[in-house]
C-alpha atoms as a PDB file:
ATOM      1  CA  MET A   1      18.246-200.635  29.792  1.00  0.00           C
ATOM      2  CA  SER A   2      19.642-197.193  28.998  1.00  0.00           C
ATOM      3  CA  THR A   3      23.139-196.768  27.592  1.00  0.00           C
ATOM      4  CA  SER A   4      24.324-194.807  30.623  1.00  0.00           C
ATOM      5  CA  ALA A   5      23.081-197.505  32.989  1.00  0.00           C
ATOM      6  CA  ARG A   6      25.232-200.077  31.223  1.00  0.00           C
ATOM      7  CA  ILE A   7      28.490-198.113  31.434  1.00  0.00           C
ATOM      8  CA  GLN A   8      30.718-198.897  34.389  1.00  0.00           C
ATOM      9  CA  PHE A   9      34.075-197.503  35.462  1.00  0.00           C
ATOM     10  CA  PHE A  10      36.663-199.880  36.824  1.00  0.00           C
ATOM     11  CA  GLY A  11      40.265-200.047  37.934  1.00  0.00           C
ATOM     12  CA  LEU A  12      42.379-203.206  37.690  1.00  0.00           C
ATOM     13  CA  TRP A  13      41.142-206.789  37.783  1.00  0.00           C
ATOM     14  CA  ASP A  14      42.925-210.140  37.822  1.00  0.00           C
ATOM     15  CA  ARG A  15      42.816-211.797  34.418  1.00  0.00           C
ATOM     16  CA  GLU A  16      41.011-215.128  34.236  1.00  0.00           C
ATOM     17  CA  CYS A  17      39.883-215.606  30.670  1.00  0.00           C
ATOM     18  CA  GLY A  18      39.029-218.893  29.038  1.00  0.00           C
ATOM     19  CA  GLN A  19      36.491-220.784  26.988  1.00  0.00           C
ATOM     20  CA  SER A  20      35.095-224.257  27.303  1.00  0.00           C
ATOM     21  CA  HIS A  21      36.617-226.878  25.013  1.00  0.00           C
ATOM     22  CA  GLY A  22      34.577-230.056  25.171  1.00  0.00           C
ATOM     23  CA  LEU A  23      35.213-231.418  28.662  1.00  0.00           C
ATOM     24  CA  PRO A  24      32.778-230.085  31.270  1.00  0.00           C
ATOM     25  CA  GLY A  25      34.420-227.668  33.653  1.00  0.00           C
ATOM     26  CA  THR A  26      37.547-227.361  31.502  1.00  0.00           C
ATOM     27  CA  LEU A  27      38.701-223.883  30.569  1.00  0.00           C
ATOM     28  CA  VAL A  28      41.476-223.323  28.082  1.00  0.00           C
ATOM     29  CA  PRO A  29      42.772-219.737  27.938  1.00  0.00           C
ATOM     30  CA  MET A  30      42.184-218.126  24.561  1.00  0.00           C
ATOM     31  CA  PRO A  31      44.025-214.888  23.890  1.00  0.00           C
ATOM     32  CA  VAL A  32      42.264-211.825  22.598  1.00  0.00           C
ATOM     33  CA  ALA A  33      43.575-210.648  19.231  1.00  0.00           C
ATOM     34  CA  ALA A  34      44.726-207.141  18.339  1.00  0.00           C
ATOM     35  CA  ILE A  35      43.956-205.045  15.276  1.00  0.00           C
ATOM     36  CA  VAL A  36      46.295-202.078  14.828  1.00  0.00           C
ATOM     37  CA  LEU A  37      44.726-199.449  12.562  1.00  0.00           C
ATOM     38  CA  ALA A  38      47.554-197.946  10.499  1.00  0.00           C
ATOM     39  CA  ALA A  39      46.174-197.411   7.003  1.00  0.00           C
ATOM     40  CA  GLY A  40      45.627-193.650   6.942  1.00  0.00           C
ATOM     41  CA  ALA A  41      47.437-191.142   4.759  1.00  0.00           C
ATOM     42  CA  SER A  42      48.249-188.657   7.586  1.00  0.00           C
ATOM     43  CA  ARG A  43      47.162-185.776   5.338  1.00  0.00           C
ATOM     44  CA  ARG A  44      47.029-183.172   8.115  1.00  0.00           C
ATOM     45  CA  LEU A  45      50.496-184.167   9.311  1.00  0.00           C
ATOM     46  CA  GLY A  46      51.989-184.137   5.825  1.00  0.00           C
ATOM     47  CA  HIS A  47      53.909-187.426   6.065  1.00  0.00           C
ATOM     48  CA  PRO A  48      53.236-190.941   7.418  1.00  0.00           C
ATOM     49  CA  LYS A  49      52.652-190.788  11.167  1.00  0.00           C
ATOM     50  CA  GLN A  50      53.190-194.543  11.220  1.00  0.00           C
ATOM     51  CA  LEU A  51      56.906-193.926  10.609  1.00  0.00           C
ATOM     52  CA  LEU A  52      57.438-191.080  13.068  1.00  0.00           C
ATOM     53  CA  MET A  53      60.097-191.959  15.639  1.00  0.00           C
ATOM     54  CA  HIS A  54      59.106-192.231  19.294  1.00  0.00           C
ATOM     55  CA  GLY A  55      62.313-192.968  21.118  1.00  0.00           C
ATOM     56  CA  ASP A  56      64.209-195.568  19.128  1.00  0.00           C
ATOM     57  CA  GLU A  57      61.200-197.048  17.323  1.00  0.00           C
ATOM     58  CA  THR A  58      58.558-195.920  14.885  1.00  0.00           C
ATOM     59  CA  MET A  59      55.011-195.291  16.045  1.00  0.00           C
ATOM     60  CA  ILE A  60      53.702-198.392  14.318  1.00  0.00           C
ATOM     61  CA  GLU A  61      56.491-200.545  15.734  1.00  0.00           C
ATOM     62  CA  ARG A  62      55.660-199.201  19.173  1.00  0.00           C
ATOM     63  CA  ALA A  63      51.960-200.056  18.851  1.00  0.00           C
ATOM     64  CA  ILE A  64      52.791-203.579  17.695  1.00  0.00           C
ATOM     65  CA  ARG A  65      55.302-204.039  20.518  1.00  0.00           C
ATOM     66  CA  LEU A  66      52.856-202.829  23.182  1.00  0.00           C
ATOM     67  CA  ALA A  67      50.146-205.165  21.914  1.00  0.00           C
ATOM     68  CA  ASN A  68      52.522-208.115  22.054  1.00  0.00           C
ATOM     69  CA  GLU A  69      53.744-207.160  25.515  1.00  0.00           C
ATOM     70  CA  ALA A  70      50.127-207.040  26.712  1.00  0.00           C
ATOM     71  CA  GLY A  71      49.715-210.679  25.673  1.00  0.00           C
ATOM     72  CA  VAL A  72      47.339-210.488  22.721  1.00  0.00           C
ATOM     73  CA  ALA A  73      47.630-212.859  19.766  1.00  0.00           C
ATOM     74  CA  PRO A  74      47.615-212.591  16.875  1.00  0.00           C
ATOM     75  CA  VAL A  75      48.573-208.957  16.275  1.00  0.00           C
ATOM     76  CA  ILE A  76      47.226-207.771  12.923  1.00  0.00           C
ATOM     77  CA  ALA A  77      48.373-204.442  11.483  1.00  0.00           C
ATOM     78  CA  VAL A  78      46.093-202.976   8.819  1.00  0.00           C
ATOM     79  CA  LEU A  79      48.099-200.962   6.293  1.00  0.00           C
ATOM     80  CA  GLY A  80      46.917-198.894   3.356  1.00  0.00           C
ATOM     81  CA  ALA A  81      48.554-195.630   2.311  1.00  0.00           C
ATOM     82  CA  TYR A  82      52.345-195.968   2.143  1.00  0.00           C
ATOM     83  CA  HIS A  83      52.053-199.703   2.818  1.00  0.00           C
ATOM     84  CA  ASP A  84      55.181-200.583   0.822  1.00  0.00           C
ATOM     85  CA  LEU A  85      57.222-197.961   2.637  1.00  0.00           C
ATOM     86  CA  ILE A  86      55.903-199.044   6.037  1.00  0.00           C
ATOM     87  CA  ARG A  87      56.456-202.762   5.474  1.00  0.00           C
ATOM     88  CA  GLU A  88      60.005-202.069   4.393  1.00  0.00           C
ATOM     89  CA  ALA A  89      60.677-199.938   7.477  1.00  0.00           C
ATOM     90  CA  VAL A  90      59.111-202.118  10.192  1.00  0.00           C
ATOM     91  CA  ARG A  91      61.763-204.261  11.846  1.00  0.00           C
ATOM     92  CA  LEU A  92      59.408-206.574  13.743  1.00  0.00           C
ATOM     93  CA  SER A  93      58.263-210.081  12.888  1.00  0.00           C
ATOM     94  CA  ASN A  94      55.650-210.708  15.587  1.00  0.00           C
ATOM     95  CA  PHE A  95      52.676-209.334  13.662  1.00  0.00           C
ATOM     96  CA  THR A  96      50.637-210.013  10.553  1.00  0.00           C
ATOM     97  CA  PRO A  97      50.374-207.167   8.022  1.00  0.00           C
ATOM     98  CA  VAL A  98      47.230-206.973   5.905  1.00  0.00           C
ATOM     99  CA  ILE A  99      46.538-204.439   3.175  1.00  0.00           C
ATOM    100  CA  ASN A 100      43.339-202.406   3.033  1.00  0.00           C
ATOM    101  CA  SER A 101      43.096-201.380  -0.599  1.00  0.00           C
ATOM    102  CA  ALA A 102      40.034-199.222   0.181  1.00  0.00           C
ATOM    103  CA  TRP A 103      41.740-197.214   2.949  1.00  0.00           C
ATOM    104  CA  ASN A 104      40.710-193.884   1.379  1.00  0.00           C
ATOM    105  CA  GLU A 105      37.028-194.771   1.915  1.00  0.00           C
ATOM    106  CA  GLY A 106      37.318-194.333   5.678  1.00  0.00           C
ATOM    107  CA  ILE A 107      38.472-196.012   8.860  1.00  0.00           C
ATOM    108  CA  SER A 108      35.552-198.455   8.817  1.00  0.00           C
ATOM    109  CA  THR A 109      37.194-200.237   5.871  1.00  0.00           C
ATOM    110  CA  SER A 110      40.285-200.871   7.990  1.00  0.00           C
ATOM    111  CA  ILE A 111      38.162-202.311  10.793  1.00  0.00           C
ATOM    112  CA  ARG A 112      36.467-204.658   8.333  1.00  0.00           C
ATOM    113  CA  THR A 113      39.801-205.640   6.773  1.00  0.00           C
ATOM    114  CA  GLY A 114      41.281-206.394  10.189  1.00  0.00           C
ATOM    115  CA  LEU A 115      38.257-208.399  11.311  1.00  0.00           C
ATOM    116  CA  GLY A 116      38.289-210.405   8.088  1.00  0.00           C
ATOM    117  CA  ALA A 117      41.945-211.310   8.549  1.00  0.00           C
ATOM    118  CA  LEU A 118      41.372-212.147  12.214  1.00  0.00           C
ATOM    119  CA  LEU A 119      38.410-214.437  11.633  1.00  0.00           C
ATOM    120  CA  ALA A 120      40.255-216.181   8.798  1.00  0.00           C
ATOM    121  CA  SER A 121      43.194-216.966  11.070  1.00  0.00           C
ATOM    122  CA  ASP A 122      41.413-217.477  14.405  1.00  0.00           C
ATOM    123  CA  PRO A 123      37.634-217.878  14.049  1.00  0.00           C
ATOM    124  CA  GLN A 124      37.212-218.779  17.732  1.00  0.00           C
ATOM    125  CA  THR A 125      38.864-215.673  19.182  1.00  0.00           C
ATOM    126  CA  PRO A 126      36.860-214.316  22.131  1.00  0.00           C
ATOM    127  CA  GLY A 127      37.449-210.701  21.197  1.00  0.00           C
ATOM    128  CA  ALA A 128      39.506-208.063  19.448  1.00  0.00           C
ATOM    129  CA  LEU A 129      41.528-205.210  20.871  1.00  0.00           C
ATOM    130  CA  ILE A 130      41.350-202.306  18.422  1.00  0.00           C
ATOM    131  CA  LEU A 131      44.043-199.652  18.718  1.00  0.00           C
ATOM    132  CA  ALA A 132      45.719-196.957  16.668  1.00  0.00           C
ATOM    133  CA  CYS A 133      49.414-196.188  16.370  1.00  0.00           C
ATOM    134  CA  ASP A 134      49.295-192.464  17.127  1.00  0.00           C
ATOM    135  CA  GLN A 135      48.737-192.284  20.905  1.00  0.00           C
ATOM    136  CA  PRO A 136      52.165-191.630  22.456  1.00  0.00           C
ATOM    137  CA  ARG A 137      50.922-192.032  26.057  1.00  0.00           C
ATOM    138  CA  LEU A 138      49.705-195.576  25.449  1.00  0.00           C
ATOM    139  CA  SER A 139      51.383-198.287  27.537  1.00  0.00           C
ATOM    140  CA  ALA A 140      51.388-202.067  27.678  1.00  0.00           C
ATOM    141  CA  GLU A 141      50.105-201.733  31.249  1.00  0.00           C
ATOM    142  CA  HIS A 142      46.949-199.984  30.073  1.00  0.00           C
ATOM    143  CA  LEU A 143      46.333-202.599  27.387  1.00  0.00           C
ATOM    144  CA  SER A 144      46.924-205.403  29.875  1.00  0.00           C
ATOM    145  CA  ALA A 145      44.515-203.807  32.345  1.00  0.00           C
ATOM    146  CA  MET A 146      41.870-203.627  29.614  1.00  0.00           C
ATOM    147  CA  LEU A 147      42.292-207.326  28.926  1.00  0.00           C
ATOM    148  CA  ASP A 148      42.015-208.070  32.658  1.00  0.00           C
ATOM    149  CA  VAL A 149      38.705-206.218  32.823  1.00  0.00           C
ATOM    150  CA  PHE A 150      37.443-207.815  29.605  1.00  0.00           C
ATOM    151  CA  CYS A 151      38.132-211.331  30.842  1.00  0.00           C
ATOM    152  CA  ALA A 152      36.607-210.666  34.259  1.00  0.00           C
ATOM    153  CA  GLN A 153      33.136-209.882  32.907  1.00  0.00           C
ATOM    154  CA  ALA A 154      30.369-212.427  33.438  1.00  0.00           C
ATOM    155  CA  ALA A 155      28.737-211.506  30.122  1.00  0.00           C
ATOM    156  CA  PRO A 156      30.210-210.348  26.796  1.00  0.00           C
ATOM    157  CA  SER A 157      31.164-206.700  27.299  1.00  0.00           C
ATOM    158  CA  ILE A 158      33.046-203.924  25.563  1.00  0.00           C
ATOM    159  CA  VAL A 159      35.966-202.407  27.438  1.00  0.00           C
ATOM    160  CA  ALA A 160      36.784-198.882  26.272  1.00  0.00           C
ATOM    161  CA  SER A 161      39.341-196.252  27.211  1.00  0.00           C
ATOM    162  CA  ALA A 162      38.044-193.104  28.881  1.00  0.00           C
ATOM    163  CA  TYR A 163      39.785-189.744  28.506  1.00  0.00           C
ATOM    164  CA  GLN A 164      38.654-186.131  28.679  1.00  0.00           C
ATOM    165  CA  GLY A 165      35.027-187.119  29.137  1.00  0.00           C
ATOM    166  CA  VAL A 166      34.776-189.357  26.071  1.00  0.00           C
ATOM    167  CA  LEU A 167      35.093-193.055  25.314  1.00  0.00           C
ATOM    168  CA  GLY A 168      37.544-194.163  22.652  1.00  0.00           C
ATOM    169  CA  ILE A 169      40.168-196.600  21.555  1.00  0.00           C
ATOM    170  CA  PRO A 170      42.018-198.616  22.536  1.00  0.00           C
ATOM    171  CA  ALA A 171      38.943-200.731  23.147  1.00  0.00           C
ATOM    172  CA  VAL A 172      38.262-204.453  23.414  1.00  0.00           C
ATOM    173  CA  PHE A 173      35.206-205.805  21.618  1.00  0.00           C
ATOM    174  CA  PRO A 174      33.735-209.280  22.236  1.00  0.00           C
ATOM    175  CA  ARG A 175      33.133-211.474  19.213  1.00  0.00           C
ATOM    176  CA  GLU A 176      29.398-211.079  19.839  1.00  0.00           C
ATOM    177  CA  VAL A 177      29.574-207.527  18.432  1.00  0.00           C
ATOM    178  CA  PHE A 178      31.845-208.262  15.460  1.00  0.00           C
ATOM    179  CA  ALA A 179      28.802-208.034  13.175  1.00  0.00           C
ATOM    180  CA  GLU A 180      28.145-204.475  14.370  1.00  0.00           C
ATOM    181  CA  LEU A 181      31.781-203.550  13.802  1.00  0.00           C
ATOM    182  CA  HIS A 182      31.644-205.064  10.331  1.00  0.00           C
ATOM    183  CA  ALA A 183      28.518-203.033   9.544  1.00  0.00           C
ATOM    184  CA  LEU A 184      30.309-199.695  10.074  1.00  0.00           C
ATOM    185  CA  ARG A 185      30.650-197.641   6.900  1.00  0.00           C
ATOM    186  CA  GLY A 186      32.617-194.634   5.722  1.00  0.00           C
ATOM    187  CA  ASP A 187      34.744-192.743   8.206  1.00  0.00           C
ATOM    188  CA  LYS A 188      32.690-193.919  11.190  1.00  0.00           C
ATOM    189  CA  GLY A 189      35.054-195.743  13.490  1.00  0.00           C
ATOM    190  CA  ALA A 190      34.522-197.916  16.529  1.00  0.00           C
ATOM    191  CA  ARG A 191      33.579-194.879  18.647  1.00  0.00           C
ATOM    192  CA  LEU A 192      30.070-195.097  17.175  1.00  0.00           C
ATOM    193  CA  LEU A 193      29.585-198.396  19.005  1.00  0.00           C
ATOM    194  CA  LEU A 194      31.011-196.895  22.186  1.00  0.00           C
ATOM    195  CA  MET A 195      28.433-194.102  22.071  1.00  0.00           C
ATOM    196  CA  GLN A 196      25.581-196.574  21.527  1.00  0.00           C
ATOM    197  CA  PRO A 197      26.921-199.896  22.848  1.00  0.00           C
ATOM    198  CA  PRO A 198      25.028-203.031  21.795  1.00  0.00           C
ATOM    199  CA  CYS A 199      26.118-204.780  25.006  1.00  0.00           C
ATOM    200  CA  PRO A 200      27.383-203.792  28.477  1.00  0.00           C
ATOM    201  CA  LEU A 201      30.351-201.430  28.375  1.00  0.00           C
ATOM    202  CA  VAL A 202      33.109-200.952  30.927  1.00  0.00           C
ATOM    203  CA  ALA A 203      35.190-197.764  30.831  1.00  0.00           C
ATOM    204  CA  LEU A 204      38.812-197.810  31.960  1.00  0.00           C
ATOM    205  CA  PRO A 205      40.537-194.447  32.560  1.00  0.00           C
ATOM    206  CA  PHE A 206      43.454-193.748  30.203  1.00  0.00           C
ATOM    207  CA  PRO A 207      45.326-190.623  31.313  1.00  0.00           C
ATOM    208  CA  GLY A 208      46.753-188.913  28.247  1.00  0.00           C
ATOM    209  CA  GLY A 209      44.613-190.880  25.831  1.00  0.00           C
ATOM    210  CA  GLU A 210      43.388-187.650  24.267  1.00  0.00           C
ATOM    211  CA  ILE A 211      46.900-186.927  22.987  1.00  0.00           C
ATOM    212  CA  ASP A 212      47.435-188.151  19.455  1.00  0.00           C
ATOM    213  CA  ILE A 213      49.712-187.216  16.601  1.00  0.00           C
ATOM    214  CA  ASP A 214      47.544-185.606  13.962  1.00  0.00           C
ATOM    215  CA  ARG A 215      49.162-182.276  13.041  1.00  0.00           C
ATOM    216  CA  PRO A 216      52.761-180.997  12.919  1.00  0.00           C
ATOM    217  CA  ALA A 217      52.359-179.224  16.281  1.00  0.00           C
ATOM    218  CA  ASP A 218      51.474-182.549  17.916  1.00  0.00           C
ATOM    219  CA  MET A 219      54.960-183.885  17.244  1.00  0.00           C
ATOM    220  CA  ALA A 220      56.128-182.045  20.365  1.00  0.00           C
ATOM    221  CA  HIS A 221      54.537-184.883  22.344  1.00  0.00           C
ATOM    222  CA  LEU A 222      57.145-187.262  20.917  1.00  0.00           C
ATOM    223  CA  GLU A 223      60.081-185.356  22.419  1.00  0.00           C
END
């Protein structure tokens, strides 16, 4: 089956996600986990984007809050550069910080660090929502809609955000492709799997998803 034939575009679905636990016909809801990628050095911006203010909260606090509001658990934040400064500044308690000591070797190391922490704490999780902390148009409603679509699939599927003709994060990956995520190397992020998905992929439109905070001029989007 070609990659394009496996990509579908959907709107909203009703969430009905569960896994069998022993008794035939018994489904116990199991929440998808979240991995917030926040280990970068923000070199093009010149200072930590994780600590930029968006309203009355920092960008990383906002990403953690949105993930929690969408109903994922646990929420794991992967830190690297400036991790001491970020941990001191974050005022939330509903997340698990993990340190990626190899953050300067590329975003793939943060994905592996987050997956390792997730599988150590919840080896039976049905999937992982991977998101960044630099998309100011992101909402809990979009994340929740992604989880609805993910849980509605009959077979393990990736649910990706679609914006400006590309697929990107936030994206939800089923545990069946964790090995492929773990195999990423260097600065190749999850988008590589979205371009060549190892399983069916569903695309969910994310208006404004192309806006991120990467350079000083981008900070106008936070006003």
